[in-house]
C-alpha atoms as a PDB file:
ATOM      1  CA  UNK A   1     117.776  83.465 118.073  1.00  0.00           C
ATOM      2  CA  UNK A   2     115.442  86.131 119.651  1.00  0.00           C
ATOM      3  CA  UNK A   3     114.081  85.309 123.383  1.00  0.00           C
ATOM      4  CA  UNK A   4     110.633  84.818 123.377  1.00  0.00           C
ATOM      5  CA  UNK A   5     109.103  88.245 125.358  1.00  0.00           C
ATOM      6  CA  UNK A   6     111.382  89.969 122.853  1.00  0.00           C
ATOM      7  CA  UNK A   7     109.338  88.760 119.843  1.00  0.00           C
ATOM      8  CA  UNK A   8     105.909  88.628 121.809  1.00  0.00           C
ATOM      9  CA  UNK A   9     107.171  92.951 122.155  1.00  0.00           C
ATOM     10  CA  UNK A  10     108.063  93.030 118.853  1.00  0.00           C
ATOM     11  CA  UNK A  11     104.266  91.858 116.992  1.00  0.00           C
ATOM     12  CA  UNK A  12     102.350  93.556 119.419  1.00  0.00           C
ATOM     13  CA  UNK A  13     104.393  97.319 118.681  1.00  0.00           C
ATOM     14  CA  UNK A  14     103.740  95.444 114.430  1.00  0.00           C
ATOM     15  CA  UNK A  15     100.324  95.782 115.376  1.00  0.00           C
ATOM     16  CA  UNK A  16      99.757  99.001 116.821  1.00  0.00           C
ATOM     17  CA  UNK A  17     101.589 100.760 114.445  1.00  0.00           C
ATOM     18  CA  UNK A  18      99.173  98.533 111.810  1.00  0.00           C
ATOM     19  CA  UNK A  19      96.482  99.658 113.112  1.00  0.00           C
ATOM     20  CA  UNK A  20      96.595 103.308 113.769  1.00  0.00           C
ATOM     21  CA  UNK A  21      97.757 103.551 110.665  1.00  0.00           C
ATOM     22  CA  UNK A  22      94.871 102.473 109.708  1.00  0.00           C
ATOM     23  CA  UNK A  23      92.724 104.047 111.963  1.00  0.00           C
ATOM     24  CA  UNK A  24      93.998 107.065 110.511  1.00  0.00           C
ATOM     25  CA  UNK A  25      94.959 106.467 106.752  1.00  0.00           C
ATOM     26  CA  UNK A  26      91.574 106.911 104.663  1.00  0.00           C
ATOM     27  CA  UNK A  27      91.176 103.893 102.004  1.00  0.00           C
ATOM     28  CA  UNK A  28      93.533 101.274 104.334  1.00  0.00           C
ATOM     29  CA  UNK A  29      91.040 100.464 107.093  1.00  0.00           C
ATOM     30  CA  UNK A  30      91.871  97.048 106.782  1.00  0.00           C
ATOM     31  CA  UNK A  31      95.545  97.772 107.792  1.00  0.00           C
ATOM     32  CA  UNK A  32      93.550  98.451 111.339  1.00  0.00           C
ATOM     33  CA  UNK A  33      91.555  95.043 110.310  1.00  0.00           C
ATOM     34  CA  UNK A  34      95.040  93.109 110.336  1.00  0.00           C
ATOM     35  CA  UNK A  35      96.789  95.100 112.616  1.00  0.00           C
ATOM     36  CA  UNK A  36      93.412  93.171 115.258  1.00  0.00           C
ATOM     37  CA  UNK A  37      94.149  89.695 114.001  1.00  0.00           C
ATOM     38  CA  UNK A  38      97.965  90.163 114.604  1.00  0.00           C
ATOM     39  CA  UNK A  39      97.081  92.046 118.379  1.00  0.00           C
ATOM     40  CA  UNK A  40      94.689  88.462 118.863  1.00  0.00           C
ATOM     41  CA  UNK A  41      97.163  85.725 117.735  1.00  0.00           C
ATOM     42  CA  UNK A  42      99.877  87.308 119.709  1.00  0.00           C
ATOM     43  CA  UNK A  43      97.236  86.924 122.489  1.00  0.00           C
ATOM     44  CA  UNK A  44      96.358  83.565 122.117  1.00  0.00           C
ATOM     45  CA  UNK A  45      99.767  82.403 121.317  1.00  0.00           C
ATOM     46  CA  UNK A  46     101.453  84.061 124.327  1.00  0.00           C
ATOM     47  CA  UNK A  47      97.952  82.810 126.127  1.00  0.00           C
ATOM     48  CA  UNK A  48      98.903  79.239 125.705  1.00  0.00           C
ATOM     49  CA  UNK A  49     102.862  79.364 126.296  1.00  0.00           C
ATOM     50  CA  UNK A  50     101.809  81.035 129.663  1.00  0.00           C
ATOM     51  CA  UNK A  51      99.715  77.709 130.360  1.00  0.00           C
ATOM     52  CA  UNK A  52     102.573  75.222 129.067  1.00  0.00           C
ATOM     53  CA  UNK A  53     104.740  76.472 131.719  1.00  0.00           C
ATOM     54  CA  UNK A  54     102.377  76.292 134.578  1.00  0.00           C
ATOM     55  CA  UNK A  55     101.712  72.446 133.651  1.00  0.00           C
ATOM     56  CA  UNK A  56     105.374  72.196 134.863  1.00  0.00           C
ATOM     57  CA  UNK A  57     105.680  72.775 137.669  1.00  0.00           C
ATOM     58  CA  UNK A  58     105.839  69.598 139.996  1.00  0.00           C
ATOM     59  CA  UNK A  59     103.484  69.273 142.801  1.00  0.00           C
ATOM     60  CA  UNK A  60     104.201  69.718 146.590  1.00  0.00           C
END
């Protein structure tokens, strides 16, 4: 199984590559939109994961 941080970085890398291709290639602006959506979804997933982890700490 792939560690979560490695998966997060892989998805961010894919989103950036899609964004670059979509911004530079003529007629492929939809790839830019897909890259932005993937990046936003990845950030939401990572933020939810961090907030879940923070609540598990016992109070002292």
